[in-house]
PDB file of all heavy atoms in Angstrom:
ATOM      1  N   VAL A   1      79.463  78.580 112.257  1.00  0.00           N
ATOM      2  CA  VAL A   1      79.521  80.024 111.987  1.00  0.00           C
ATOM      3  C   VAL A   1      78.372  80.447 111.057  1.00  0.00           C
ATOM      4  O   VAL A   1      77.700  81.432 111.316  1.00  0.00           O
ATOM      5  CB  VAL A   1      80.890  80.438 111.399  1.00  0.00           C
ATOM      6  CG1 VAL A   1      80.843  81.840 110.814  1.00  0.00           C
ATOM      7  CG2 VAL A   1      81.964  80.356 112.471  1.00  0.00           C
ATOM      8  N   THR A   2      78.157  79.684 110.011  1.00  0.00           N
ATOM      9  CA  THR A   2      77.063  80.007 109.093  1.00  0.00           C
ATOM     10  C   THR A   2      75.713  79.969 109.831  1.00  0.00           C
ATOM     11  O   THR A   2      74.893  80.869 109.660  1.00  0.00           O
ATOM     12  CB  THR A   2      77.041  79.023 107.900  1.00  0.00           C
ATOM     13  OG1 THR A   2      78.321  79.036 107.273  1.00  0.00           O
ATOM     14  CG2 THR A   2      75.970  79.427 106.899  1.00  0.00           C
ATOM     15  N   PHE A   3      75.490  78.949 110.650  1.00  0.00           N
ATOM     16  CA  PHE A   3      74.251  78.874 111.440  1.00  0.00           C
ATOM     17  C   PHE A   3      74.132  80.075 112.360  1.00  0.00           C
ATOM     18  O   PHE A   3      73.063  80.703 112.422  1.00  0.00           O
ATOM     19  CB  PHE A   3      74.267  77.559 112.244  1.00  0.00           C
ATOM     20  CG  PHE A   3      73.047  77.386 113.094  1.00  0.00           C
ATOM     21  CD1 PHE A   3      71.845  77.026 112.529  1.00  0.00           C
ATOM     22  CD2 PHE A   3      73.093  77.595 114.484  1.00  0.00           C
ATOM     23  CE1 PHE A   3      70.689  76.874 113.320  1.00  0.00           C
ATOM     24  CE2 PHE A   3      71.967  77.443 115.258  1.00  0.00           C
ATOM     25  CZ  PHE A   3      70.771  77.094 114.686  1.00  0.00           C
ATOM     26  N   GLY A   4      75.209  80.429 113.073  1.00  0.00           N
ATOM     27  CA  GLY A   4      75.163  81.573 113.966  1.00  0.00           C
ATOM     28  C   GLY A   4      74.826  82.869 113.228  1.00  0.00           C
ATOM     29  O   GLY A   4      74.059  83.694 113.726  1.00  0.00           O
ATOM     30  N   ILE A   5      75.442  83.014 112.071  1.00  0.00           N
ATOM     31  CA  ILE A   5      75.177  84.280 111.308  1.00  0.00           C
ATOM     32  C   ILE A   5      73.727  84.287 110.815  1.00  0.00           C
ATOM     33  O   ILE A   5      73.068  85.345 110.920  1.00  0.00           O
ATOM     34  CB  ILE A   5      76.190  84.390 110.141  1.00  0.00           C
ATOM     35  CG1 ILE A   5      77.580  84.721 110.675  1.00  0.00           C
ATOM     36  CG2 ILE A   5      75.760  85.462 109.140  1.00  0.00           C
ATOM     37  CD1 ILE A   5      78.687  84.584 109.661  1.00  0.00           C
ATOM     38  N   LEU A   6      73.238  83.151 110.349  1.00  0.00           N
ATOM     39  CA  LEU A   6      71.842  83.103 109.904  1.00  0.00           C
ATOM     40  C   LEU A   6      70.857  83.388 111.017  1.00  0.00           C
ATOM     41  O   LEU A   6      69.808  84.008 110.814  1.00  0.00           O
ATOM     42  CB  LEU A   6      71.536  81.737 109.291  1.00  0.00           C
ATOM     43  CG  LEU A   6      72.217  81.430 107.956  1.00  0.00           C
ATOM     44  CD1 LEU A   6      71.952  79.979 107.541  1.00  0.00           C
ATOM     45  CD2 LEU A   6      71.759  82.392 106.875  1.00  0.00           C
ATOM     46  N   ILE A   7      71.197  82.952 112.220  1.00  0.00           N
ATOM     47  CA  ILE A   7      70.299  83.142 113.378  1.00  0.00           C
ATOM     48  C   ILE A   7      70.388  84.592 113.915  1.00  0.00           C
ATOM     49  O   ILE A   7      69.353  85.226 114.185  1.00  0.00           O
ATOM     50  CB  ILE A   7      70.667  82.176 114.528  1.00  0.00           C
ATOM     51  CG1 ILE A   7      70.410  80.726 114.119  1.00  0.00           C
ATOM     52  CG2 ILE A   7      69.957  82.513 115.814  1.00  0.00           C
ATOM     53  CD1 ILE A   7      68.971  80.383 114.007  1.00  0.00           C
ATOM     54  N   MET A   8      71.584  85.119 114.038  1.00  0.00           N
ATOM     55  CA  MET A   8      71.756  86.363 114.778  1.00  0.00           C
ATOM     56  C   MET A   8      71.845  87.625 113.901  1.00  0.00           C
ATOM     57  O   MET A   8      71.437  88.699 114.336  1.00  0.00           O
ATOM     58  CB  MET A   8      73.023  86.267 115.628  1.00  0.00           C
ATOM     59  CG  MET A   8      72.899  85.269 116.783  1.00  0.00           C
ATOM     60  SD  MET A   8      74.381  85.180 117.790  1.00  0.00           S
ATOM     61  CE  MET A   8      74.272  86.738 118.669  1.00  0.00           C
ATOM     62  N   ALA A   9      72.375  87.519 112.686  1.00  0.00           N
ATOM     63  CA  ALA A   9      72.596  88.709 111.871  1.00  0.00           C
ATOM     64  C   ALA A   9      71.319  89.492 111.599  1.00  0.00           C
ATOM     65  O   ALA A   9      71.332  90.737 111.650  1.00  0.00           O
ATOM     66  CB  ALA A   9      73.302  88.357 110.584  1.00  0.00           C
ATOM     67  N   PRO A  10      70.176  88.823 111.316  1.00  0.00           N
ATOM     68  CA  PRO A  10      68.975  89.609 111.037  1.00  0.00           C
ATOM     69  C   PRO A  10      68.539  90.521 112.196  1.00  0.00           C
ATOM     70  O   PRO A  10      67.926  91.542 111.987  1.00  0.00           O
ATOM     71  CB  PRO A  10      67.904  88.541 110.789  1.00  0.00           C
ATOM     72  CG  PRO A  10      68.673  87.354 110.288  1.00  0.00           C
ATOM     73  CD  PRO A  10      69.963  87.399 111.064  1.00  0.00           C
ATOM     74  N   CYS A  11      68.919  90.170 113.400  1.00  0.00           N
ATOM     75  CA  CYS A  11      68.576  90.998 114.560  1.00  0.00           C
ATOM     76  C   CYS A  11      69.312  92.314 114.523  1.00  0.00           C
ATOM     77  O   CYS A  11      68.856  93.341 115.097  1.00  0.00           O
ATOM     78  CB  CYS A  11      68.958  90.295 115.865  1.00  0.00           C
ATOM     79  SG  CYS A  11      68.103  88.742 116.098  1.00  0.00           S
ATOM     80  N   PHE A  12      70.471  92.374 113.855  1.00  0.00           N
ATOM     81  CA  PHE A  12      71.275  93.597 113.813  1.00  0.00           C
ATOM     82  C   PHE A  12      71.112  94.371 112.526  1.00  0.00           C
ATOM     83  O   PHE A  12      71.520  95.505 112.424  1.00  0.00           O
ATOM     84  CB  PHE A  12      72.744  93.253 114.033  1.00  0.00           C
ATOM     85  CG  PHE A  12      73.019  92.631 115.350  1.00  0.00           C
ATOM     86  CD1 PHE A  12      73.185  91.261 115.493  1.00  0.00           C
ATOM     87  CD2 PHE A  12      73.126  93.418 116.487  1.00  0.00           C
ATOM     88  CE1 PHE A  12      73.430  90.672 116.717  1.00  0.00           C
ATOM     89  CE2 PHE A  12      73.368  92.844 117.721  1.00  0.00           C
ATOM     90  CZ  PHE A  12      73.523  91.488 117.844  1.00  0.00           C
ATOM     91  N   MET A  13      70.567  93.761 111.504  1.00  0.00           N
ATOM     92  CA  MET A  13      70.421  94.423 110.188  1.00  0.00           C
ATOM     93  C   MET A  13      68.969  94.904 110.017  1.00  0.00           C
ATOM     94  O   MET A  13      68.244  94.391 109.204  1.00  0.00           O
ATOM     95  CB  MET A  13      70.754  93.438 109.060  1.00  0.00           C
ATOM     96  CG  MET A  13      72.055  92.721 109.187  1.00  0.00           C
ATOM     97  SD  MET A  13      73.438  93.845 109.210  1.00  0.00           S
ATOM     98  CE  MET A  13      74.494  93.015 110.373  1.00  0.00           C
ATOM     99  N   LYS A  14      68.600  95.889 110.821  1.00  0.00           N
ATOM    100  CA  LYS A  14      67.221  96.380 110.778  1.00  0.00           C
ATOM    101  C   LYS A  14      67.124  97.812 110.322  1.00  0.00           C
ATOM    102  O   LYS A  14      66.114  98.469 110.487  1.00  0.00           O
ATOM    103  CB  LYS A  14      66.592  96.189 112.150  1.00  0.00           C
ATOM    104  CG  LYS A  14      66.412  94.736 112.536  1.00  0.00           C
ATOM    105  CD  LYS A  14      65.612  94.638 113.789  1.00  0.00           C
ATOM    106  CE  LYS A  14      65.397  93.164 114.036  1.00  0.00           C
ATOM    107  NZ  LYS A  14      64.407  92.886 115.018  1.00  0.00           N
ATOM    108  N   PHE A  15      68.192  98.327 109.729  1.00  0.00           N
ATOM    109  CA  PHE A  15      68.163  99.691 109.253  1.00  0.00           C
ATOM    110  C   PHE A  15      67.398  99.752 107.949  1.00  0.00           C
ATOM    111  O   PHE A  15      67.356  98.775 107.200  1.00  0.00           O
ATOM    112  CB  PHE A  15      69.579 100.214 109.035  1.00  0.00           C
ATOM    113  CG  PHE A  15      70.425 100.223 110.328  1.00  0.00           C
ATOM    114  CD1 PHE A  15      71.373  99.252 110.531  1.00  0.00           C
ATOM    115  CD2 PHE A  15      70.237 101.209 111.254  1.00  0.00           C
ATOM    116  CE1 PHE A  15      72.149  99.255 111.671  1.00  0.00           C
ATOM    117  CE2 PHE A  15      70.967 101.227 112.421  1.00  0.00           C
ATOM    118  CZ  PHE A  15      71.933 100.247 112.609  1.00  0.00           C
ATOM    119  N   LYS A  16      66.797 100.859 107.698  1.00  0.00           N
ATOM    120  CA  LYS A  16      66.075 101.067 106.443  1.00  0.00           C
ATOM    121  C   LYS A  16      67.071 101.557 105.322  1.00  0.00           C
ATOM    122  O   LYS A  16      66.695 101.702 104.184  1.00  0.00           O
ATOM    123  CB  LYS A  16      64.974 102.100 106.599  1.00  0.00           C
ATOM    124  CG  LYS A  16      63.959 101.744 107.599  1.00  0.00           C
ATOM    125  CD  LYS A  16      63.048 100.705 107.060  1.00  0.00           C
ATOM    126  CE  LYS A  16      61.917 100.458 108.024  1.00  0.00           C
ATOM    127  NZ  LYS A  16      61.552  99.088 108.175  1.00  0.00           N
ATOM    128  N   ASN A  17      68.309 101.754 105.739  1.00  0.00           N
ATOM    129  CA  ASN A  17      69.324 102.274 104.832  1.00  0.00           C
ATOM    130  C   ASN A  17      70.336 101.157 104.528  1.00  0.00           C
ATOM    131  O   ASN A  17      70.925 100.551 105.436  1.00  0.00           O
ATOM    132  CB  ASN A  17      70.009 103.484 105.545  1.00  0.00           C
ATOM    133  CG  ASN A  17      71.065 104.085 104.702  1.00  0.00           C
ATOM    134  OD1 ASN A  17      71.913 103.458 104.125  1.00  0.00           O
ATOM    135  ND2 ASN A  17      70.998 105.433 104.655  1.00  0.00           N
ATOM    136  N   ARG A  18      70.569 100.886 103.233  1.00  0.00           N
ATOM    137  CA  ARG A  18      71.504  99.825 102.880  1.00  0.00           C
ATOM    138  C   ARG A  18      72.941 100.100 103.327  1.00  0.00           C
ATOM    139  O   ARG A  18      73.648  99.187 103.682  1.00  0.00           O
ATOM    140  CB  ARG A  18      71.480  99.609 101.361  1.00  0.00           C
ATOM    141  CG  ARG A  18      70.273  98.865 100.889  1.00  0.00           C
ATOM    142  CD  ARG A  18      70.413  98.550  99.439  1.00  0.00           C
ATOM    143  NE  ARG A  18      69.365  97.642  99.064  1.00  0.00           N
ATOM    144  CZ  ARG A  18      69.300  97.027  97.935  1.00  0.00           C
ATOM    145  NH1 ARG A  18      70.226  97.218  97.029  1.00  0.00           N
ATOM    146  NH2 ARG A  18      68.301  96.228  97.666  1.00  0.00           N
ATOM    147  N   PHE A  19      73.311 101.349 103.267  1.00  0.00           N
ATOM    148  CA  PHE A  19      74.686 101.683 103.720  1.00  0.00           C
ATOM    149  C   PHE A  19      74.856 101.384 105.190  1.00  0.00           C
ATOM    150  O   PHE A  19      75.891 100.806 105.590  1.00  0.00           O
ATOM    151  CB  PHE A  19      75.017 103.160 103.413  1.00  0.00           C
ATOM    152  CG  PHE A  19      76.379 103.562 103.880  1.00  0.00           C
ATOM    153  CD1 PHE A  19      77.498 103.145 103.213  1.00  0.00           C
ATOM    154  CD2 PHE A  19      76.546 104.325 105.048  1.00  0.00           C
ATOM    155  CE1 PHE A  19      78.771 103.491 103.633  1.00  0.00           C
ATOM    156  CE2 PHE A  19      77.813 104.679 105.489  1.00  0.00           C
ATOM    157  CZ  PHE A  19      78.915 104.282 104.771  1.00  0.00           C
ATOM    158  N   LEU A  20      73.892 101.739 106.027  1.00  0.00           N
ATOM    159  CA  LEU A  20      73.986 101.462 107.454  1.00  0.00           C
ATOM    160  C   LEU A  20      73.967  99.948 107.734  1.00  0.00           C
ATOM    161  O   LEU A  20      74.668  99.468 108.596  1.00  0.00           O
ATOM    162  CB  LEU A  20      72.843 102.156 108.212  1.00  0.00           C
ATOM    163  CG  LEU A  20      72.932 103.667 108.267  1.00  0.00           C
ATOM    164  CD1 LEU A  20      71.699 104.240 108.963  1.00  0.00           C
ATOM    165  CD2 LEU A  20      74.207 104.156 108.914  1.00  0.00           C
ATOM    166  N   ASP A  21      73.167  99.224 106.966  1.00  0.00           N
ATOM    167  CA  ASP A  21      73.166  97.753 107.089  1.00  0.00           C
ATOM    168  C   ASP A  21      74.551  97.173 106.719  1.00  0.00           C
ATOM    169  O   ASP A  21      75.052  96.273 107.380  1.00  0.00           O
ATOM    170  CB  ASP A  21      72.113  97.123 106.188  1.00  0.00           C
ATOM    171  CG  ASP A  21      70.743  97.004 106.827  1.00  0.00           C
ATOM    172  OD1 ASP A  21      70.687  97.093 108.077  1.00  0.00           O
ATOM    173  OD2 ASP A  21      69.756  96.830 106.101  1.00  0.00           O
ATOM    174  N   PHE A  22      75.162  97.726 105.658  1.00  0.00           N
ATOM    175  CA  PHE A  22      76.477  97.275 105.240  1.00  0.00           C
ATOM    176  C   PHE A  22      77.524  97.541 106.330  1.00  0.00           C
ATOM    177  O   PHE A  22      78.298  96.651 106.691  1.00  0.00           O
ATOM    178  CB  PHE A  22      76.870  98.001 103.942  1.00  0.00           C
ATOM    179  CG  PHE A  22      78.261  97.770 103.480  1.00  0.00           C
ATOM    180  CD1 PHE A  22      78.612  96.523 102.937  1.00  0.00           C
ATOM    181  CD2 PHE A  22      79.228  98.738 103.614  1.00  0.00           C
ATOM    182  CE1 PHE A  22      79.925  96.292 102.537  1.00  0.00           C
ATOM    183  CE2 PHE A  22      80.526  98.494 103.227  1.00  0.00           C
ATOM    184  CZ  PHE A  22      80.886  97.289 102.674  1.00  0.00           C
ATOM    185  N   VAL A  23      77.499  98.753 106.909  1.00  0.00           N
ATOM    186  CA  VAL A  23      78.475  99.088 107.961  1.00  0.00           C
ATOM    187  C   VAL A  23      78.212  98.201 109.184  1.00  0.00           C
ATOM    188  O   VAL A  23      79.146  97.674 109.791  1.00  0.00           O
ATOM    189  CB  VAL A  23      78.385 100.584 108.329  1.00  0.00           C
ATOM    190  CG1 VAL A  23      79.214 100.910 109.544  1.00  0.00           C
ATOM    191  CG2 VAL A  23      78.824 101.456 107.147  1.00  0.00           C
ATOM    192  N   ALA A  24      76.966  98.007 109.520  1.00  0.00           N
ATOM    193  CA  ALA A  24      76.625  97.152 110.678  1.00  0.00           C
ATOM    194  C   ALA A  24      77.104  95.728 110.449  1.00  0.00           C
ATOM    195  O   ALA A  24      77.598  95.069 111.369  1.00  0.00           O
ATOM    196  CB  ALA A  24      75.106  97.184 110.947  1.00  0.00           C
ATOM    197  N   SER A  25      76.985  95.236 109.205  1.00  0.00           N
ATOM    198  CA  SER A  25      77.394  93.880 108.926  1.00  0.00           C
ATOM    199  C   SER A  25      78.916  93.706 109.042  1.00  0.00           C
ATOM    200  O   SER A  25      79.374  92.659 109.502  1.00  0.00           O
ATOM    201  CB  SER A  25      76.903  93.415 107.559  1.00  0.00           C
ATOM    202  OG  SER A  25      77.610  94.090 106.511  1.00  0.00           O
ATOM    203  N   ILE A  26      79.651  94.718 108.624  1.00  0.00           N
ATOM    204  CA  ILE A  26      81.110  94.653 108.724  1.00  0.00           C
ATOM    205  C   ILE A  26      81.550  94.495 110.205  1.00  0.00           C
ATOM    206  O   ILE A  26      82.513  93.812 110.483  1.00  0.00           O
ATOM    207  CB  ILE A  26      81.793  95.873 108.069  1.00  0.00           C
ATOM    208  CG1 ILE A  26      81.643  95.807 106.573  1.00  0.00           C
ATOM    209  CG2 ILE A  26      83.227  96.022 108.473  1.00  0.00           C
ATOM    210  CD1 ILE A  26      82.130  97.023 105.832  1.00  0.00           C
ATOM    211  N   ILE A  27      80.802  95.109 111.084  1.00  0.00           N
ATOM    212  CA  ILE A  27      81.160  95.072 112.496  1.00  0.00           C
ATOM    213  C   ILE A  27      80.527  93.842 113.214  1.00  0.00           C
ATOM    214  O   ILE A  27      81.228  93.173 113.954  1.00  0.00           O
ATOM    215  CB  ILE A  27      80.735  96.369 113.200  1.00  0.00           C
ATOM    216  CG1 ILE A  27      81.519  97.543 112.605  1.00  0.00           C
ATOM    217  CG2 ILE A  27      80.905  96.297 114.709  1.00  0.00           C
ATOM    218  CD1 ILE A  27      81.002  98.894 112.938  1.00  0.00           C
ATOM    219  N   THR A  28      79.279  93.578 112.949  1.00  0.00           N
ATOM    220  CA  THR A  28      78.592  92.532 113.718  1.00  0.00           C
ATOM    221  C   THR A  28      78.890  91.111 113.246  1.00  0.00           C
ATOM    222  O   THR A  28      78.967  90.215 114.106  1.00  0.00           O
ATOM    223  CB  THR A  28      77.069  92.736 113.703  1.00  0.00           C
ATOM    224  OG1 THR A  28      76.582  92.743 112.353  1.00  0.00           O
ATOM    225  CG2 THR A  28      76.669  94.009 114.421  1.00  0.00           C
ATOM    226  N   ILE A  29      79.096  90.876 111.968  1.00  0.00           N
ATOM    227  CA  ILE A  29      79.293  89.505 111.461  1.00  0.00           C
ATOM    228  C   ILE A  29      80.571  88.916 112.085  1.00  0.00           C
ATOM    229  O   ILE A  29      80.516  87.776 112.572  1.00  0.00           O
ATOM    230  CB  ILE A  29      79.344  89.460 109.924  1.00  0.00           C
ATOM    231  CG1 ILE A  29      78.018  89.960 109.421  1.00  0.00           C
ATOM    232  CG2 ILE A  29      79.733  88.097 109.417  1.00  0.00           C
ATOM    233  CD1 ILE A  29      77.010  89.068 108.873  1.00  0.00           C
ATOM    234  N   PRO A  30      81.699  89.610 112.118  1.00  0.00           N
ATOM    235  CA  PRO A  30      82.869  88.992 112.802  1.00  0.00           C
ATOM    236  C   PRO A  30      82.631  88.722 114.293  1.00  0.00           C
ATOM    237  O   PRO A  30      83.118  87.747 114.822  1.00  0.00           O
ATOM    238  CB  PRO A  30      83.981  90.036 112.620  1.00  0.00           C
ATOM    239  CG  PRO A  30      83.596  90.819 111.418  1.00  0.00           C
ATOM    240  CD  PRO A  30      82.100  90.859 111.424  1.00  0.00           C
ATOM    241  N   ILE A  31      81.890  89.608 114.931  1.00  0.00           N
ATOM    242  CA  ILE A  31      81.572  89.385 116.370  1.00  0.00           C
ATOM    243  C   ILE A  31      80.708  88.148 116.519  1.00  0.00           C
ATOM    244  O   ILE A  31      80.962  87.293 117.385  1.00  0.00           O
ATOM    245  CB  ILE A  31      80.906  90.630 116.977  1.00  0.00           C
ATOM    246  CG1 ILE A  31      81.900  91.811 116.983  1.00  0.00           C
ATOM    247  CG2 ILE A  31      80.388  90.369 118.379  1.00  0.00           C
ATOM    248  CD1 ILE A  31      81.298  93.142 117.324  1.00  0.00           C
ATOM    249  N   ILE A  32      79.672  88.004 115.689  1.00  0.00           N
ATOM    250  CA  ILE A  32      78.794  86.846 115.751  1.00  0.00           C
ATOM    251  C   ILE A  32      79.611  85.598 115.471  1.00  0.00           C
ATOM    252  O   ILE A  32      79.489  84.592 116.178  1.00  0.00           O
ATOM    253  CB  ILE A  32      77.644  86.983 114.748  1.00  0.00           C
ATOM    254  CG1 ILE A  32      76.668  88.108 115.159  1.00  0.00           C
ATOM    255  CG2 ILE A  32      76.869  85.684 114.569  1.00  0.00           C
ATOM    256  CD1 ILE A  32      75.685  88.522 114.094  1.00  0.00           C
ATOM    257  N   ALA A  33      80.428  85.638 114.424  1.00  0.00           N
ATOM    258  CA  ALA A  33      81.230  84.445 114.077  1.00  0.00           C
ATOM    259  C   ALA A  33      82.130  84.062 115.261  1.00  0.00           C
ATOM    260  O   ALA A  33      82.246  82.856 115.581  1.00  0.00           O
ATOM    261  CB  ALA A  33      82.071  84.734 112.810  1.00  0.00           C
ATOM    262  N   GLN A  34      82.758  85.018 115.877  1.00  0.00           N
ATOM    263  CA  GLN A  34      83.656  84.708 116.976  1.00  0.00           C
ATOM    264  C   GLN A  34      82.902  84.087 118.164  1.00  0.00           C
ATOM    265  O   GLN A  34      83.399  83.145 118.785  1.00  0.00           O
ATOM    266  CB  GLN A  34      84.406  85.963 117.419  1.00  0.00           C
ATOM    267  CG  GLN A  34      85.498  85.701 118.427  1.00  0.00           C
ATOM    268  CD  GLN A  34      86.597  84.790 117.874  1.00  0.00           C
ATOM    269  OE1 GLN A  34      86.996  84.935 116.748  1.00  0.00           O
ATOM    270  NE2 GLN A  34      87.073  83.871 118.707  1.00  0.00           N
ATOM    271  N   LEU A  35      81.755  84.638 118.438  1.00  0.00           N
ATOM    272  CA  LEU A  35      80.960  84.050 119.532  1.00  0.00           C
ATOM    273  C   LEU A  35      80.609  82.610 119.303  1.00  0.00           C
ATOM    274  O   LEU A  35      80.641  81.786 120.215  1.00  0.00           O
ATOM    275  CB  LEU A  35      79.664  84.883 119.723  1.00  0.00           C
ATOM    276  CG  LEU A  35      79.804  86.227 120.351  1.00  0.00           C
ATOM    277  CD1 LEU A  35      78.461  86.977 120.297  1.00  0.00           C
ATOM    278  CD2 LEU A  35      80.266  86.128 121.784  1.00  0.00           C
ATOM    279  N   TRP A  36      80.275  82.274 118.058  1.00  0.00           N
ATOM    280  CA  TRP A  36      79.845  80.913 117.761  1.00  0.00           C
ATOM    281  C   TRP A  36      81.038  79.939 117.655  1.00  0.00           C
ATOM    282  O   TRP A  36      80.843  78.728 117.830  1.00  0.00           O
ATOM    283  CB  TRP A  36      79.027  80.854 116.476  1.00  0.00           C
ATOM    284  CG  TRP A  36      77.615  81.366 116.778  1.00  0.00           C
ATOM    285  CD1 TRP A  36      77.193  82.661 116.860  1.00  0.00           C
ATOM    286  CD2 TRP A  36      76.474  80.548 117.062  1.00  0.00           C
ATOM    287  NE1 TRP A  36      75.860  82.714 117.211  1.00  0.00           N
ATOM    288  CE2 TRP A  36      75.416  81.419 117.330  1.00  0.00           C
ATOM    289  CE3 TRP A  36      76.260  79.180 117.125  1.00  0.00           C
ATOM    290  CZ2 TRP A  36      74.121  80.977 117.632  1.00  0.00           C
ATOM    291  CZ3 TRP A  36      74.990  78.722 117.417  1.00  0.00           C
ATOM    292  CH2 TRP A  36      73.921  79.619 117.675  1.00  0.00           C
ATOM    293  N   VAL A  37      82.237  80.412 117.360  1.00  0.00           N
ATOM    294  CA  VAL A  37      83.381  79.487 117.279  1.00  0.00           C
ATOM    295  C   VAL A  37      84.087  79.271 118.592  1.00  0.00           C
ATOM    296  O   VAL A  37      84.884  78.329 118.696  1.00  0.00           O
ATOM    297  CB  VAL A  37      84.422  79.922 116.186  1.00  0.00           C
ATOM    298  CG1 VAL A  37      83.795  80.038 114.846  1.00  0.00           C
ATOM    299  CG2 VAL A  37      85.148  81.179 116.581  1.00  0.00           C
ATOM    300  N   ILE A  38      83.807  80.060 119.585  1.00  0.00           N
ATOM    301  CA  ILE A  38      84.521  79.950 120.865  1.00  0.00           C
ATOM    302  C   ILE A  38      84.473  78.514 121.411  1.00  0.00           C
ATOM    303  O   ILE A  38      85.544  77.995 121.789  1.00  0.00           O
ATOM    304  CB  ILE A  38      84.014  81.000 121.889  1.00  0.00           C
ATOM    305  CG1 ILE A  38      84.595  82.388 121.495  1.00  0.00           C
ATOM    306  CG2 ILE A  38      84.426  80.658 123.298  1.00  0.00           C
ATOM    307  CD1 ILE A  38      84.061  83.506 122.364  1.00  0.00           C
ATOM    308  N   PRO A  39      83.327  77.860 121.488  1.00  0.00           N
ATOM    309  CA  PRO A  39      83.346  76.502 122.018  1.00  0.00           C
ATOM    310  C   PRO A  39      84.253  75.545 121.249  1.00  0.00           C
ATOM    311  O   PRO A  39      84.959  74.725 121.845  1.00  0.00           O
ATOM    312  CB  PRO A  39      81.882  76.059 121.949  1.00  0.00           C
ATOM    313  CG  PRO A  39      81.091  77.295 121.828  1.00  0.00           C
ATOM    314  CD  PRO A  39      81.964  78.313 121.158  1.00  0.00           C
TER     315      PRO A  39
END
């Protein structure tokens, strides 16, 4: 999960606004984590 987040999260956190990055992280990090734990 940590590896998956380190690889994929930067692709989604590209806003110039910290608040938007924060909101995006709340939504995308659980999705990324779930994708990587499925196997």
